[in-house]
Amino acid sequence: MRDTDDGLRDLYQEVIFDHNRNPRNFRAMDDASNRADGHNPLCGDQLTVYAKVQDGVVQEVSFIGHGCAISTASASLMTEAVRGMKIDEVEALFRNIHAMLTEAHPDCDLGKLEVLSGVREFPSRVKCATLAWHTLHNAIIQAQDTAVTE
């Protein structure tokens, strides 16, 4: 069983390295309906998440910034995962990712996002992995607040 665990850990690390070296959706979005800035002062990670939310659905999401491999990979994976989701689905995914990283693994399939599960073993890195998710959450709250006031 040990070889299987090591192989899976190696695969997870390779996915994180790939998303760090070649982040997906790494760009500013001029026509974003919402954006939020995030900063982790403990390690210096900084990013801006852009979201185009229309009719309660995340049509597009991107990010810019700089940070460690885990922070960048998490943001990249997040942008791929949430595109096309309804806001309530994104919020549920946010809660499940946060639980996976801080508590116990939620009883659901997180697909490719499972690669982040190993971060829980390194408590000082959890904030790196959750920064993009918290920032997207803040952008979505803005989208909900905008929809309510219009």
N, C-alpha and C. Protein backbone atom coordinates (compact mmCIF):
# COMPACT_ATOMS: atom_id res chain seq x y z
N MET A 1 0.83 -1.20 0.00
CA MET A 1 0.00 0.00 0.00
C MET A 1 0.87 1.26 0.00
N ARG A 2 2.04 1.15 0.59
CA ARG A 2 2.95 2.29 0.68
C ARG A 2 3.34 2.80 -0.71
N ASP A 3 3.62 1.90 -1.65
CA ASP A 3 3.98 2.30 -3.01
C ASP A 3 2.84 3.04 -3.68
N THR A 4 1.61 2.61 -3.45
CA THR A 4 0.45 3.27 -4.02
C THR A 4 0.32 4.68 -3.47
N ASP A 5 0.49 4.83 -2.15
CA ASP A 5 0.42 6.16 -1.53
C ASP A 5 1.50 7.07 -2.08
N ASP A 6 2.72 6.54 -2.22
CA ASP A 6 3.82 7.34 -2.75
C ASP A 6 3.56 7.74 -4.20
N GLY A 7 3.02 6.83 -5.00
CA GLY A 7 2.71 7.13 -6.39
C GLY A 7 1.64 8.20 -6.52
N LEU A 8 0.62 8.10 -5.68
CA LEU A 8 -0.44 9.09 -5.69
C LEU A 8 0.10 10.45 -5.25
N ARG A 9 0.91 10.45 -4.21
CA ARG A 9 1.52 11.70 -3.72
C ARG A 9 2.39 12.33 -4.82
N ASP A 10 3.15 11.49 -5.54
CA ASP A 10 3.98 12.00 -6.65
C ASP A 10 3.12 12.61 -7.75
N LEU A 11 2.01 11.94 -8.08
CA LEU A 11 1.10 12.45 -9.09
C LEU A 11 0.51 13.79 -8.66
N TYR A 12 0.06 13.88 -7.41
CA TYR A 12 -0.49 15.12 -6.89
C TYR A 12 0.55 16.24 -6.96
N GLN A 13 1.79 15.94 -6.57
CA GLN A 13 2.84 16.95 -6.62
C GLN A 13 3.09 17.41 -8.05
N GLU A 14 3.06 16.48 -9.00
CA GLU A 14 3.28 16.85 -10.39
C GLU A 14 2.17 17.77 -10.90
N VAL A 15 0.92 17.50 -10.52
CA VAL A 15 -0.18 18.36 -10.94
C VAL A 15 0.00 19.76 -10.34
N ILE A 16 0.38 19.84 -9.08
CA ILE A 16 0.61 21.14 -8.44
C ILE A 16 1.76 21.86 -9.13
N PHE A 17 2.85 21.16 -9.42
CA PHE A 17 3.98 21.79 -10.10
C PHE A 17 3.56 22.29 -11.49
N ASP A 18 2.77 21.49 -12.21
CA ASP A 18 2.32 21.88 -13.54
C ASP A 18 1.47 23.16 -13.48
N HIS A 19 0.54 23.21 -12.55
CA HIS A 19 -0.33 24.39 -12.43
C HIS A 19 0.45 25.60 -11.93
N ASN A 20 1.53 25.39 -11.21
CA ASN A 20 2.37 26.50 -10.79
C ASN A 20 3.19 27.02 -11.97
N ARG A 21 3.79 26.12 -12.73
CA ARG A 21 4.63 26.51 -13.88
C ARG A 21 3.80 27.08 -15.03
N ASN A 22 2.60 26.54 -15.22
CA ASN A 22 1.73 26.94 -16.33
C ASN A 22 0.32 27.23 -15.80
N PRO A 23 0.17 28.29 -15.02
CA PRO A 23 -1.15 28.55 -14.43
C PRO A 23 -2.20 28.81 -15.50
N ARG A 24 -3.35 28.19 -15.32
CA ARG A 24 -4.46 28.38 -16.23
C ARG A 24 -5.20 29.66 -15.85
N ASN A 25 -5.71 30.35 -16.86
CA ASN A 25 -6.52 31.55 -16.65
C ASN A 25 -5.78 32.64 -15.88
N PHE A 26 -4.48 32.73 -16.11
CA PHE A 26 -3.65 33.74 -15.45
C PHE A 26 -3.64 34.99 -16.33
N ARG A 27 -4.57 35.89 -16.03
CA ARG A 27 -4.68 37.14 -16.79
C ARG A 27 -5.69 38.04 -16.09
N ALA A 28 -5.53 39.32 -16.31
CA ALA A 28 -6.54 40.28 -15.86
C ALA A 28 -7.74 40.16 -16.80
N MET A 29 -8.90 40.46 -16.29
CA MET A 29 -10.12 40.38 -17.09
C MET A 29 -10.76 41.77 -17.12
N ASP A 30 -10.66 42.42 -18.27
CA ASP A 30 -11.17 43.80 -18.40
C ASP A 30 -12.67 43.91 -18.21
N ASP A 31 -13.40 42.87 -18.62
CA ASP A 31 -14.86 42.95 -18.55
C ASP A 31 -15.45 42.16 -17.37
N ALA A 32 -14.65 41.97 -16.33
CA ALA A 32 -15.14 41.26 -15.14
C ALA A 32 -16.26 42.05 -14.48
N SER A 33 -17.27 41.35 -14.02
CA SER A 33 -18.32 42.03 -13.26
C SER A 33 -17.89 42.25 -11.82
N ASN A 34 -16.97 41.43 -11.36
CA ASN A 34 -16.50 41.53 -9.98
C ASN A 34 -15.04 41.13 -9.88
N ARG A 35 -14.40 41.66 -8.87
CA ARG A 35 -13.02 41.31 -8.58
C ARG A 35 -12.77 41.50 -7.10
N ALA A 36 -11.79 40.79 -6.62
CA ALA A 36 -11.40 40.95 -5.22
C ALA A 36 -9.89 40.72 -5.12
N ASP A 37 -9.28 41.37 -4.15
CA ASP A 37 -7.86 41.21 -3.90
C ASP A 37 -7.65 40.36 -2.66
N GLY A 38 -6.64 39.52 -2.70
CA GLY A 38 -6.29 38.69 -1.56
C GLY A 38 -4.82 38.79 -1.25
N HIS A 39 -4.49 38.70 0.02
CA HIS A 39 -3.10 38.81 0.46
C HIS A 39 -2.87 37.92 1.66
N ASN A 40 -1.80 37.15 1.63
CA ASN A 40 -1.40 36.33 2.77
C ASN A 40 -0.10 36.92 3.29
N PRO A 41 -0.17 37.74 4.35
CA PRO A 41 1.04 38.40 4.84
C PRO A 41 2.07 37.44 5.43
N LEU A 42 1.67 36.23 5.79
CA LEU A 42 2.62 35.28 6.36
C LEU A 42 3.69 34.85 5.37
N CYS A 43 3.32 34.74 4.08
CA CYS A 43 4.31 34.31 3.10
C CYS A 43 4.40 35.24 1.90
N GLY A 44 3.59 36.29 1.87
CA GLY A 44 3.69 37.27 0.80
C GLY A 44 2.86 37.00 -0.43
N ASP A 45 2.04 35.94 -0.42
CA ASP A 45 1.17 35.66 -1.57
C ASP A 45 0.20 36.83 -1.76
N GLN A 46 0.06 37.29 -3.00
CA GLN A 46 -0.90 38.34 -3.34
C GLN A 46 -1.54 37.97 -4.66
N LEU A 47 -2.85 38.13 -4.74
CA LEU A 47 -3.52 37.88 -6.00
C LEU A 47 -4.80 38.69 -6.10
N THR A 48 -5.23 38.82 -7.33
CA THR A 48 -6.51 39.42 -7.65
C THR A 48 -7.30 38.40 -8.44
N VAL A 49 -8.53 38.16 -8.02
CA VAL A 49 -9.41 37.22 -8.73
C VAL A 49 -10.47 38.04 -9.44
N TYR A 50 -10.67 37.73 -10.69
CA TYR A 50 -11.68 38.37 -11.53
C TYR A 50 -12.77 37.35 -11.83
N ALA A 51 -14.00 37.80 -11.79
CA ALA A 51 -15.12 36.91 -12.12
C ALA A 51 -16.13 37.66 -12.97
N LYS A 52 -16.61 36.96 -13.96
CA LYS A 52 -17.72 37.48 -14.76
C LYS A 52 -18.91 36.63 -14.37
N VAL A 53 -19.83 37.23 -13.61
CA VAL A 53 -21.01 36.53 -13.12
C VAL A 53 -22.22 37.10 -13.84
N GLN A 54 -23.00 36.22 -14.45
CA GLN A 54 -24.18 36.64 -15.17
C GLN A 54 -25.31 35.67 -14.87
N ASP A 55 -26.45 36.20 -14.49
CA ASP A 55 -27.62 35.38 -14.15
C ASP A 55 -27.29 34.31 -13.12
N GLY A 56 -26.46 34.68 -12.13
CA GLY A 56 -26.13 33.77 -11.05
C GLY A 56 -25.15 32.66 -11.40
N VAL A 57 -24.50 32.77 -12.56
CA VAL A 57 -23.56 31.74 -13.00
C VAL A 57 -22.19 32.39 -13.25
N VAL A 58 -21.14 31.73 -12.81
CA VAL A 58 -19.78 32.20 -13.08
C VAL A 58 -19.46 31.84 -14.53
N GLN A 59 -19.50 32.84 -15.37
CA GLN A 59 -19.24 32.62 -16.80
C GLN A 59 -17.75 32.46 -17.07
N GLU A 60 -16.96 33.24 -16.33
CA GLU A 60 -15.52 33.23 -16.54
C GLU A 60 -14.84 33.66 -15.25
N VAL A 61 -13.64 33.14 -15.02
CA VAL A 61 -12.88 33.52 -13.83
C VAL A 61 -11.39 33.46 -14.19
N SER A 62 -10.64 34.42 -13.66
CA SER A 62 -9.21 34.45 -13.90
C SER A 62 -8.53 35.08 -12.69
N PHE A 63 -7.20 35.08 -12.72
CA PHE A 63 -6.45 35.68 -11.62
C PHE A 63 -5.11 36.20 -12.10
N ILE A 64 -4.56 37.13 -11.33
CA ILE A 64 -3.19 37.59 -11.52
C ILE A 64 -2.57 37.69 -10.13
N GLY A 65 -1.27 37.76 -10.08
CA GLY A 65 -0.59 37.93 -8.81
C GLY A 65 0.65 37.08 -8.74
N HIS A 66 1.15 36.97 -7.53
CA HIS A 66 2.35 36.17 -7.31
C HIS A 66 2.23 35.46 -5.97
N GLY A 67 2.86 34.33 -5.90
CA GLY A 67 2.83 33.57 -4.66
C GLY A 67 3.61 32.28 -4.79
N CYS A 68 3.54 31.49 -3.77
CA CYS A 68 4.24 30.21 -3.76
C CYS A 68 3.55 29.23 -4.71
N ALA A 69 4.17 28.08 -4.90
CA ALA A 69 3.65 27.07 -5.82
C ALA A 69 2.25 26.62 -5.43
N ILE A 70 1.99 26.45 -4.15
CA ILE A 70 0.68 25.98 -3.70
C ILE A 70 -0.38 27.04 -3.95
N SER A 71 -0.07 28.28 -3.67
CA SER A 71 -1.02 29.37 -3.88
C SER A 71 -1.37 29.50 -5.36
N THR A 72 -0.37 29.51 -6.21
CA THR A 72 -0.60 29.65 -7.64
C THR A 72 -1.35 28.46 -8.21
N ALA A 73 -0.94 27.26 -7.83
CA ALA A 73 -1.61 26.05 -8.32
C ALA A 73 -3.06 26.00 -7.86
N SER A 74 -3.31 26.36 -6.62
CA SER A 74 -4.68 26.36 -6.10
C SER A 74 -5.55 27.34 -6.88
N ALA A 75 -5.03 28.53 -7.16
CA ALA A 75 -5.79 29.52 -7.93
C ALA A 75 -6.07 29.01 -9.34
N SER A 76 -5.07 28.40 -9.96
CA SER A 76 -5.22 27.86 -11.31
C SER A 76 -6.27 26.75 -11.35
N LEU A 77 -6.17 25.81 -10.42
CA LEU A 77 -7.15 24.72 -10.34
C LEU A 77 -8.55 25.26 -10.08
N MET A 78 -8.64 26.27 -9.22
CA MET A 78 -9.94 26.86 -8.89
C MET A 78 -10.60 27.46 -10.13
N THR A 79 -9.82 28.19 -10.94
CA THR A 79 -10.42 28.83 -12.11
C THR A 79 -10.99 27.80 -13.08
N GLU A 80 -10.33 26.67 -13.20
CA GLU A 80 -10.84 25.62 -14.06
C GLU A 80 -12.11 24.99 -13.49
N ALA A 81 -12.12 24.83 -12.18
CA ALA A 81 -13.22 24.09 -11.53
C ALA A 81 -14.53 24.86 -11.50
N VAL A 82 -14.48 26.16 -11.31
CA VAL A 82 -15.73 26.90 -11.04
C VAL A 82 -16.39 27.49 -12.27
N ARG A 83 -15.71 27.53 -13.38
CA ARG A 83 -16.31 28.11 -14.59
C ARG A 83 -17.58 27.33 -14.94
N GLY A 84 -18.67 28.08 -15.13
CA GLY A 84 -19.95 27.48 -15.50
C GLY A 84 -20.81 27.08 -14.31
N MET A 85 -20.30 27.25 -13.10
CA MET A 85 -21.07 26.88 -11.90
C MET A 85 -21.98 28.01 -11.46
N LYS A 86 -23.10 27.63 -10.88
CA LYS A 86 -23.97 28.60 -10.23
C LYS A 86 -23.28 29.07 -8.95
N ILE A 87 -23.62 30.26 -8.52
CA ILE A 87 -22.99 30.84 -7.33
C ILE A 87 -23.14 29.92 -6.12
N ASP A 88 -24.33 29.34 -5.91
CA ASP A 88 -24.50 28.47 -4.74
C ASP A 88 -23.64 27.21 -4.86
N GLU A 89 -23.39 26.73 -6.07
CA GLU A 89 -22.50 25.58 -6.26
C GLU A 89 -21.05 25.95 -5.95
N VAL A 90 -20.65 27.15 -6.34
CA VAL A 90 -19.30 27.63 -6.04
C VAL A 90 -19.12 27.76 -4.53
N GLU A 91 -20.13 28.30 -3.87
CA GLU A 91 -20.06 28.45 -2.41
C GLU A 91 -19.98 27.09 -1.72
N ALA A 92 -20.73 26.11 -2.20
CA ALA A 92 -20.66 24.75 -1.63
C ALA A 92 -19.28 24.15 -1.86
N LEU A 93 -18.73 24.36 -3.05
CA LEU A 93 -17.38 23.85 -3.35
C LEU A 93 -16.36 24.53 -2.45
N PHE A 94 -16.50 25.84 -2.24
CA PHE A 94 -15.62 26.59 -1.34
C PHE A 94 -15.63 25.96 0.06
N ARG A 95 -16.82 25.66 0.56
CA ARG A 95 -16.93 25.06 1.90
C ARG A 95 -16.28 23.68 1.93
N ASN A 96 -16.47 22.88 0.87
CA ASN A 96 -15.88 21.54 0.83
C ASN A 96 -14.36 21.60 0.72
N ILE A 97 -13.84 22.51 -0.06
CA ILE A 97 -12.38 22.67 -0.17
C ILE A 97 -11.82 23.11 1.18
N HIS A 98 -12.47 24.07 1.79
CA HIS A 98 -12.00 24.55 3.10
C HIS A 98 -12.02 23.42 4.13
N ALA A 99 -13.07 22.62 4.12
CA ALA A 99 -13.15 21.47 5.04
C ALA A 99 -12.04 20.47 4.75
N MET A 100 -11.80 20.17 3.48
CA MET A 100 -10.76 19.22 3.10
C MET A 100 -9.39 19.69 3.60
N LEU A 101 -9.15 20.98 3.58
CA LEU A 101 -7.85 21.51 3.95
C LEU A 101 -7.69 21.75 5.44
N THR A 102 -8.80 21.87 6.17
CA THR A 102 -8.69 22.25 7.58
C THR A 102 -9.28 21.24 8.56
N GLU A 103 -10.19 20.39 8.08
CA GLU A 103 -10.88 19.48 9.00
C GLU A 103 -10.71 18.05 8.51
N ALA A 104 -11.79 17.47 8.10
CA ALA A 104 -11.78 16.11 7.55
C ALA A 104 -12.29 16.20 6.11
N HIS A 105 -11.92 15.23 5.34
CA HIS A 105 -12.33 15.25 3.94
C HIS A 105 -13.85 15.16 3.85
N PRO A 106 -14.48 16.07 3.10
CA PRO A 106 -15.94 16.02 2.97
C PRO A 106 -16.37 14.77 2.20
N ASP A 107 -17.60 14.38 2.40
CA ASP A 107 -18.13 13.18 1.77
C ASP A 107 -18.63 13.52 0.36
N CYS A 108 -17.68 13.87 -0.51
CA CYS A 108 -18.02 14.18 -1.89
C CYS A 108 -16.77 14.02 -2.74
N ASP A 109 -16.97 13.92 -4.04
CA ASP A 109 -15.86 13.79 -4.97
C ASP A 109 -15.44 15.18 -5.43
N LEU A 110 -14.21 15.54 -5.15
CA LEU A 110 -13.73 16.87 -5.53
C LEU A 110 -12.92 16.83 -6.83
N GLY A 111 -12.88 15.67 -7.46
CA GLY A 111 -12.21 15.55 -8.74
C GLY A 111 -10.75 15.96 -8.66
N LYS A 112 -10.33 16.73 -9.64
CA LYS A 112 -8.93 17.15 -9.75
C LYS A 112 -8.47 17.97 -8.54
N LEU A 113 -9.42 18.59 -7.85
CA LEU A 113 -9.08 19.41 -6.69
C LEU A 113 -8.53 18.58 -5.53
N GLU A 114 -8.68 17.26 -5.61
CA GLU A 114 -8.14 16.36 -4.58
C GLU A 114 -6.64 16.54 -4.41
N VAL A 115 -5.97 17.03 -5.45
CA VAL A 115 -4.51 17.19 -5.37
C VAL A 115 -4.11 18.13 -4.24
N LEU A 116 -5.03 18.98 -3.81
CA LEU A 116 -4.74 19.91 -2.72
C LEU A 116 -4.87 19.28 -1.34
N SER A 117 -5.38 18.06 -1.26
CA SER A 117 -5.66 17.44 0.04
C SER A 117 -4.41 17.25 0.90
N GLY A 118 -3.27 17.05 0.28
CA GLY A 118 -2.04 16.84 1.04
C GLY A 118 -1.58 18.07 1.81
N VAL A 119 -2.10 19.22 1.44
CA VAL A 119 -1.71 20.47 2.12
C VAL A 119 -2.10 20.42 3.60
N ARG A 120 -3.16 19.69 3.91
CA ARG A 120 -3.61 19.60 5.31
C ARG A 120 -2.51 19.11 6.23
N GLU A 121 -1.57 18.32 5.70
CA GLU A 121 -0.45 17.81 6.50
C GLU A 121 0.53 18.91 6.88
N PHE A 122 0.41 20.08 6.26
CA PHE A 122 1.31 21.20 6.50
C PHE A 122 0.50 22.44 6.88
N PRO A 123 0.10 22.53 8.15
CA PRO A 123 -0.80 23.61 8.58
C PRO A 123 -0.36 25.02 8.17
N SER A 124 0.94 25.25 8.12
CA SER A 124 1.41 26.60 7.74
C SER A 124 1.14 26.91 6.28
N ARG A 125 0.82 25.90 5.46
CA ARG A 125 0.57 26.11 4.03
C ARG A 125 -0.91 26.17 3.68
N VAL A 126 -1.79 25.90 4.66
CA VAL A 126 -3.22 25.91 4.39
C VAL A 126 -3.67 27.27 3.88
N LYS A 127 -3.16 28.34 4.46
CA LYS A 127 -3.55 29.68 4.01
C LYS A 127 -3.12 29.93 2.57
N CYS A 128 -2.02 29.32 2.16
CA CYS A 128 -1.57 29.45 0.77
C CYS A 128 -2.61 28.81 -0.17
N ALA A 129 -3.08 27.64 0.20
CA ALA A 129 -4.03 26.90 -0.64
C ALA A 129 -5.42 27.52 -0.63
N THR A 130 -5.79 28.18 0.45
CA THR A 130 -7.14 28.74 0.54
C THR A 130 -7.25 30.19 0.10
N LEU A 131 -6.13 30.86 -0.12
CA LEU A 131 -6.16 32.28 -0.45
C LEU A 131 -7.04 32.57 -1.67
N ALA A 132 -6.83 31.87 -2.76
CA ALA A 132 -7.62 32.11 -3.97
C ALA A 132 -9.10 31.84 -3.73
N TRP A 133 -9.39 30.81 -2.96
CA TRP A 133 -10.79 30.44 -2.69
C TRP A 133 -11.49 31.51 -1.86
N HIS A 134 -10.80 32.02 -0.84
CA HIS A 134 -11.38 33.10 -0.04
C HIS A 134 -11.57 34.36 -0.89
N THR A 135 -10.62 34.62 -1.76
CA THR A 135 -10.71 35.80 -2.62
C THR A 135 -11.87 35.67 -3.60
N LEU A 136 -12.03 34.50 -4.21
CA LEU A 136 -13.18 34.27 -5.09
C LEU A 136 -14.48 34.41 -4.31
N HIS A 137 -14.51 33.85 -3.11
CA HIS A 137 -15.69 33.97 -2.24
C HIS A 137 -16.06 35.45 -2.06
N ASN A 138 -15.05 36.29 -1.79
CA ASN A 138 -15.31 37.72 -1.62
C ASN A 138 -15.84 38.35 -2.91
N ALA A 139 -15.30 37.96 -4.05
CA ALA A 139 -15.79 38.48 -5.33
C ALA A 139 -17.23 38.05 -5.57
N ILE A 140 -17.56 36.84 -5.20
CA ILE A 140 -18.93 36.34 -5.40
C ILE A 140 -19.91 37.04 -4.46
N ILE A 141 -19.49 37.28 -3.24
CA ILE A 141 -20.36 38.04 -2.31
C ILE A 141 -20.66 39.39 -2.91
N GLN A 142 -19.65 40.03 -3.53
CA GLN A 142 -19.88 41.32 -4.20
C GLN A 142 -20.89 41.15 -5.32
N ALA A 143 -20.78 40.05 -6.08
CA ALA A 143 -21.72 39.80 -7.17
C ALA A 143 -23.14 39.64 -6.64
N GLN A 144 -23.29 38.94 -5.52
CA GLN A 144 -24.62 38.77 -4.92
C GLN A 144 -25.14 40.10 -4.40
N ASP A 145 -24.28 40.88 -3.75
CA ASP A 145 -24.70 42.18 -3.23
C ASP A 145 -25.11 43.11 -4.37
N THR A 146 -24.39 43.08 -5.49
CA THR A 146 -24.71 43.90 -6.64
C THR A 146 -26.07 43.50 -7.20
N ALA A 147 -26.33 42.20 -7.31
CA ALA A 147 -27.59 41.71 -7.86
C ALA A 147 -28.78 42.14 -6.99
N VAL A 148 -28.57 42.15 -5.68
CA VAL A 148 -29.64 42.52 -4.75
C VAL A 148 -29.97 43.99 -4.85
N THR A 149 -28.96 44.84 -5.06
CA THR A 149 -29.18 46.28 -5.07
C THR A 149 -29.61 46.81 -6.42
N GLU A 150 -29.53 46.02 -7.47
CA GLU A 150 -29.92 46.51 -8.80
C GLU A 150 -31.42 46.49 -8.99
